Amino acid sequence: MRNFLALGLLITLSAPAHAATLHHYRAIMSSFVPA
């Protein structure tokens, strides 16, 4: 049970980082591909 809670906490903390990475990746891709 403790491992499950730790995993949930890790996912919760890392989610904003993943979202920011995806946002930067999309911004970089859009700068290379003419819209």
C-alpha atoms as a PDB file:
ATOM      1  CA  MET A   1       0.000   0.000   0.000  1.00  0.00           C
ATOM      2  CA  ARG A   2       2.852   2.354   0.811  1.00  0.00           C
ATOM      3  CA  ASN A   3       4.442   1.719  -2.572  1.00  0.00           C
ATOM      4  CA  PHE A   4       1.143   2.551  -4.278  1.00  0.00           C
ATOM      5  CA  LEU A   5       0.888   5.855  -2.396  1.00  0.00           C
ATOM      6  CA  ALA A   6       4.501   6.692  -3.214  1.00  0.00           C
ATOM      7  CA  LEU A   7       3.880   5.939  -6.886  1.00  0.00           C
ATOM      8  CA  GLY A   8       0.777   8.138  -6.900  1.00  0.00           C
ATOM      9  CA  LEU A   9       2.720  10.968  -5.271  1.00  0.00           C
ATOM     10  CA  LEU A  10       5.538  10.609  -7.800  1.00  0.00           C
ATOM     11  CA  ILE A  11       3.096  10.741 -10.711  1.00  0.00           C
ATOM     12  CA  THR A  12       1.351  13.767  -9.213  1.00  0.00           C
ATOM     13  CA  LEU A  13       4.639  15.627  -8.792  1.00  0.00           C
ATOM     14  CA  SER A  14       6.008  14.670 -12.210  1.00  0.00           C
ATOM     15  CA  ALA A  15       2.833  15.430 -14.181  1.00  0.00           C
ATOM     16  CA  PRO A  16       3.451  19.221 -14.391  1.00  0.00           C
ATOM     17  CA  ALA A  17       7.025  18.553 -15.522  1.00  0.00           C
ATOM     18  CA  HIS A  18       5.812  16.240 -18.283  1.00  0.00           C
ATOM     19  CA  ALA A  19       3.207  18.807 -19.355  1.00  0.00           C
ATOM     20  CA  ALA A  20       5.871  21.524 -19.525  1.00  0.00           C
ATOM     21  CA  THR A  21       8.167  19.249 -21.537  1.00  0.00           C
ATOM     22  CA  LEU A  22       5.355  18.475 -23.978  1.00  0.00           C
ATOM     23  CA  HIS A  23       4.562  22.180 -24.291  1.00  0.00           C
ATOM     24  CA  HIS A  24       8.203  23.040 -25.058  1.00  0.00           C
ATOM     25  CA  TYR A  25       8.423  20.145 -27.519  1.00  0.00           C
ATOM     26  CA  ARG A  26       5.324  21.356 -29.366  1.00  0.00           C
ATOM     27  CA  ALA A  27       6.661  24.929 -29.407  1.00  0.00           C
ATOM     28  CA  ILE A  28       9.966  23.748 -30.888  1.00  0.00           C
ATOM     29  CA  MET A  29       8.204  21.594 -33.484  1.00  0.00           C
ATOM     30  CA  SER A  30       5.890  24.463 -34.472  1.00  0.00           C
ATOM     31  CA  SER A  31       8.913  26.719 -34.961  1.00  0.00           C
ATOM     32  CA  PHE A  32      10.425  24.236 -37.436  1.00  0.00           C
ATOM     33  CA  VAL A  33       7.189  23.444 -39.272  1.00  0.00           C
ATOM     34  CA  PRO A  34       5.599  26.431 -41.047  1.00  0.00           C
ATOM     35  CA  ALA A  35       2.042  26.866 -39.821  1.00  0.00           C
END
